Protein backbone atom coordinates (compact mmCIF):
# COMPACT_ATOMS: atom_id res chain seq x y z
CA MET A 1 -27.93 -1.27 -8.33
CA LYS A 2 -25.34 -3.61 -10.12
CA LYS A 3 -22.54 -1.28 -9.27
CA VAL A 4 -23.56 -1.06 -5.54
CA LEU A 5 -23.56 -5.00 -5.53
CA LEU A 6 -19.80 -4.95 -6.61
CA VAL A 7 -18.70 -2.43 -4.47
CA LEU A 8 -20.41 -3.96 -1.46
CA SER A 9 -18.85 -7.30 -2.53
CA ALA A 10 -15.60 -5.60 -2.67
CA VAL A 11 -16.04 -4.37 0.83
CA ALA A 12 -16.70 -7.63 2.53
CA LEU A 13 -13.87 -9.01 0.55
CA ILE A 14 -11.54 -6.23 1.68
CA ALA A 15 -12.80 -7.23 5.20
CA ALA A 16 -12.35 -11.07 4.69
CA ASN A 17 -8.66 -10.26 3.28
CA CYS A 18 -7.59 -8.01 5.93
CA GLY A 19 -8.92 -9.84 8.81
CA GLY A 20 -5.93 -12.39 8.46
CA GLY A 21 -5.39 -15.75 7.02
CA ASP A 22 -4.16 -14.66 3.83
CA ALA A 23 -0.44 -14.02 4.64
CA ARG A 24 0.13 -12.05 1.50
CA ARG A 25 -2.40 -9.55 2.17
CA ASP A 26 -2.06 -8.78 6.06
CA ALA A 27 -0.11 -6.73 8.10
CA THR A 28 1.40 -9.48 9.88
CA SER A 29 3.64 -10.51 6.43
CA VAL A 30 7.22 -9.49 6.46
CA GLY A 31 9.32 -9.95 3.29
CA GLU A 32 12.91 -10.63 3.12
CA ALA A 33 13.43 -6.80 3.00
CA GLY A 34 11.81 -6.38 6.60
CA TRP A 35 8.59 -4.44 5.09
CA VAL A 36 5.00 -5.13 5.67
CA PHE A 37 2.77 -6.05 2.97
CA GLU A 38 -0.69 -4.66 2.82
CA GLY A 39 -3.55 -4.58 5.42
CA TRP A 40 -4.53 -2.65 8.45
CA ALA A 41 -2.34 -2.26 11.43
CA CYS A 42 -0.93 0.53 13.53
CA ALA A 43 1.46 3.45 12.95
CA PRO A 44 4.47 2.54 10.96
CA ASP A 45 7.73 2.41 12.86
CA THR A 46 10.81 2.92 10.68
CA ALA A 47 13.07 1.20 13.40
CA ALA A 48 11.03 -1.87 13.82
CA ALA A 49 10.58 -1.86 10.11
CA LYS A 50 14.62 -2.31 9.50
CA ARG A 51 14.55 -5.07 12.34
CA GLY A 52 12.39 -7.16 10.00
CA GLU A 53 9.01 -6.37 12.22
CA SER A 54 5.75 -5.58 10.83
CA PRO A 55 3.12 -3.22 12.25
CA ALA A 56 1.47 -6.55 13.81
CA ASP A 57 4.54 -7.71 15.33
CA TYR A 58 5.06 -4.50 17.38
CA CYS A 59 1.24 -3.40 17.89
CA LYS A 60 0.83 -6.92 19.43
CA GLY A 61 -2.69 -7.01 17.88
CA ASP A 62 -4.12 -4.11 19.36
CA THR A 63 -6.73 -3.44 16.94
CA SER A 64 -8.01 -0.20 18.49
CA LYS A 65 -4.75 1.33 17.11
CA PHE A 66 -5.21 -0.21 13.50
CA ASP A 67 -6.15 2.95 11.63
CA TYR A 68 -3.21 2.86 9.23
CA LEU A 69 -3.96 1.15 5.82
CA TYR A 70 -0.73 -0.21 4.30
CA MET A 71 -0.84 -0.59 0.27
CA LYS A 72 1.46 -2.29 -2.01
CA PHE A 73 2.27 -0.37 -5.37
CA SER A 74 5.07 0.12 -7.99
CA ALA A 75 7.24 3.18 -8.97
CA VAL A 76 9.74 3.96 -11.50
CA ALA A 77 13.31 5.77 -11.33
CA SER A 78 13.89 8.69 -13.40
CA GLU A 79 15.03 8.42 -16.75
CA LYS A 80 18.37 10.56 -16.32
CA ALA A 81 19.02 8.20 -13.16
CA ILE A 82 18.44 5.11 -15.26
CA LYS A 83 20.60 6.52 -18.02
CA SER A 84 23.37 7.30 -15.66
CA GLY A 85 23.61 3.86 -14.44
CA ARG A 86 24.31 4.97 -11.04
CA ILE A 87 22.55 2.62 -8.36
CA ALA A 88 22.23 5.22 -5.67
CA SER A 89 20.69 7.97 -8.14
CA MET A 90 18.21 4.99 -9.24
CA GLN A 91 17.26 4.13 -5.69
CA SER A 92 16.67 7.86 -4.81
CA THR A 93 14.90 8.64 -7.66
CA CYS A 94 12.34 5.54 -7.47
CA ARG A 95 11.77 6.29 -3.84
CA GLN A 96 11.15 9.83 -4.35
CA ALA A 97 8.58 8.67 -7.37
CA ALA A 98 7.07 6.29 -4.86
CA LYS A 99 6.67 9.16 -2.21
CA ASP A 100 5.05 11.57 -5.11
CA GLN A 101 2.56 8.78 -5.98
CA ILE A 102 1.44 8.18 -2.62
CA SER A 103 0.98 11.65 -1.34
CA GLY A 104 -0.24 13.43 -4.50
CA ASP A 105 -3.08 12.90 -7.00
CA ALA A 106 -2.41 9.35 -7.46
CA LEU A 107 -3.27 8.20 -3.89
CA SER A 108 -6.73 7.50 -5.38
CA LYS A 109 -5.40 5.28 -7.75
CA VAL A 110 -3.21 3.85 -5.14
CA ILE A 111 -6.34 3.02 -2.99
CA GLY A 112 -8.41 1.71 -6.30
CA ASP A 113 -5.28 -0.49 -6.91
CA TYR A 114 -5.72 -1.75 -3.24
CA ILE A 115 -9.31 -2.41 -3.54
CA GLU A 116 -9.05 -4.04 -6.84
CA LYS A 117 -6.19 -6.70 -5.38
CA ALA A 118 -8.36 -7.02 -2.39
CA SER A 119 -11.40 -8.15 -3.72
CA GLY A 120 -11.20 -8.46 -7.75
CA VAL A 121 -13.50 -5.93 -8.47
CA SER A 122 -12.69 -4.17 -11.85
CA ASP A 123 -14.01 -0.70 -11.11
CA GLY A 124 -11.75 -0.08 -7.74
CA GLN A 125 -10.38 3.33 -9.55
CA SER A 126 -13.83 4.90 -9.19
CA THR A 127 -14.19 3.81 -5.86
CA GLY A 128 -10.91 4.97 -4.83
CA GLN A 129 -11.30 8.43 -6.45
CA VAL A 130 -14.79 8.89 -4.49
CA ILE A 131 -13.22 7.94 -1.20
CA VAL A 132 -10.46 10.27 -1.41
CA SER A 133 -12.74 13.20 -2.61
CA GLN A 134 -15.42 12.34 0.21
CA THR A 135 -12.80 12.16 3.00
CA GLN A 136 -10.82 15.16 1.65
CA GLY A 137 -8.54 16.48 4.50
CA LEU A 138 -9.40 13.75 6.83
CA ILE A 139 -6.73 11.08 5.53
CA LYS A 140 -3.56 11.90 7.43
CA GLY A 141 -0.26 10.62 7.91
CA ILE A 142 0.37 9.73 4.12
CA GLY A 143 3.76 8.31 3.41
CA VAL A 144 5.76 5.47 2.28
CA TYR A 145 6.84 2.74 4.51
CA ASP A 146 9.86 1.08 2.71
CA CYS A 147 10.87 -0.14 -1.01
CA CYS A 148 12.45 -3.06 -2.49
CA SER A 149 14.16 -3.12 -5.75
CA LEU A 150 12.28 -5.12 -8.72
CA ASP A 151 14.15 -7.67 -10.54
CA ASN A 152 13.48 -6.80 -14.11
CA ASP A 153 12.93 -10.20 -15.25
CA THR A 154 10.63 -11.50 -12.74
CA GLY A 155 8.96 -8.32 -11.57
CA LEU A 156 9.48 -9.65 -7.85
CA CYS A 157 11.79 -8.03 -5.22
CA VAL A 158 15.21 -8.90 -5.40
CA LYS A 159 16.17 -11.46 -3.11
CA LYS A 160 18.89 -10.65 -0.45
CA GLY A 161 22.67 -10.65 -1.80
CA GLU A 162 21.49 -10.41 -5.36
CA PRO A 163 22.43 -7.43 -7.54
CA GLU A 164 19.72 -4.38 -7.37
CA THR A 165 19.02 -2.17 -10.14
CA TRP A 166 16.33 0.12 -8.69
CA GLU A 167 15.19 0.98 -12.23
CA GLN A 168 11.81 -0.07 -10.89
CA CYS A 169 10.61 -0.30 -7.14
CA GLN A 170 7.54 -2.14 -5.17
CA CYS A 171 6.76 -0.01 -2.06
CA VAL A 172 4.28 0.07 0.73
CA GLY A 173 2.70 3.09 1.32
CA PHE A 174 0.13 4.06 4.11
CA MET A 175 -2.16 6.46 5.18
CA LYS A 176 -4.14 7.12 8.31
CA PHE A 177 -7.72 6.75 7.63
CA PRO A 178 -9.67 8.18 10.65
CA GLY A 179 -11.82 5.31 12.25
CA GLY A 180 -9.85 2.69 10.73
CA GLN A 181 -10.87 -0.39 8.45
CA LYS A 182 -14.75 -0.15 9.58
CA ALA A 183 -15.00 3.70 8.57
CA PHE A 184 -12.98 2.98 5.41
CA GLU A 185 -15.53 -0.09 4.44
CA SER A 186 -18.16 2.57 5.36
CA ALA A 187 -16.81 5.26 2.82
CA ALA A 188 -16.29 2.60 0.35
CA ARG A 189 -20.24 1.80 0.63
CA GLU A 190 -21.25 5.60 0.61
CA ALA A 191 -19.25 5.83 -2.89
CA SER A 192 -21.08 3.01 -4.35
CA LYS A 193 -24.36 5.30 -3.68
């Protein structure tokens, strides 16, 4: 019963955080690198992202198309690329690691991390695993929206004009969840039963 209450609380907090007001977690937030943070929005548009627009900018609030969940997560360049010291190689392998992470077995971890960040619940990982297993084959359109190089000292995205190492990167992944946020919340409630 306690787990059910925790997951229902998490779902309520996800709904509150994704609905707006918290600029750090909604799809209307655009970083200096021109990419969206976390939340529900319409399909990604790479050209718009390069112009610094978030999905909320080019979707113009049409919530009927908000069936894409954007989630922030980190990845690491390959050891070989880091040892080579070549920035392009580190950037390429860090982005590839992010793509592998969001499109592979780690999707449930990324979803779990999103649930934990959005709600503060500590058991988001198990909920993420259940959501992915219950919706196997329904989740489509999985990919990486964009990445930024992380500053090794601060752990934050490198600011424009500062040197980028790409040893570590922070990326925004996305997935199309049929039925959008309401269906996702329903799946989270089912996962808690």
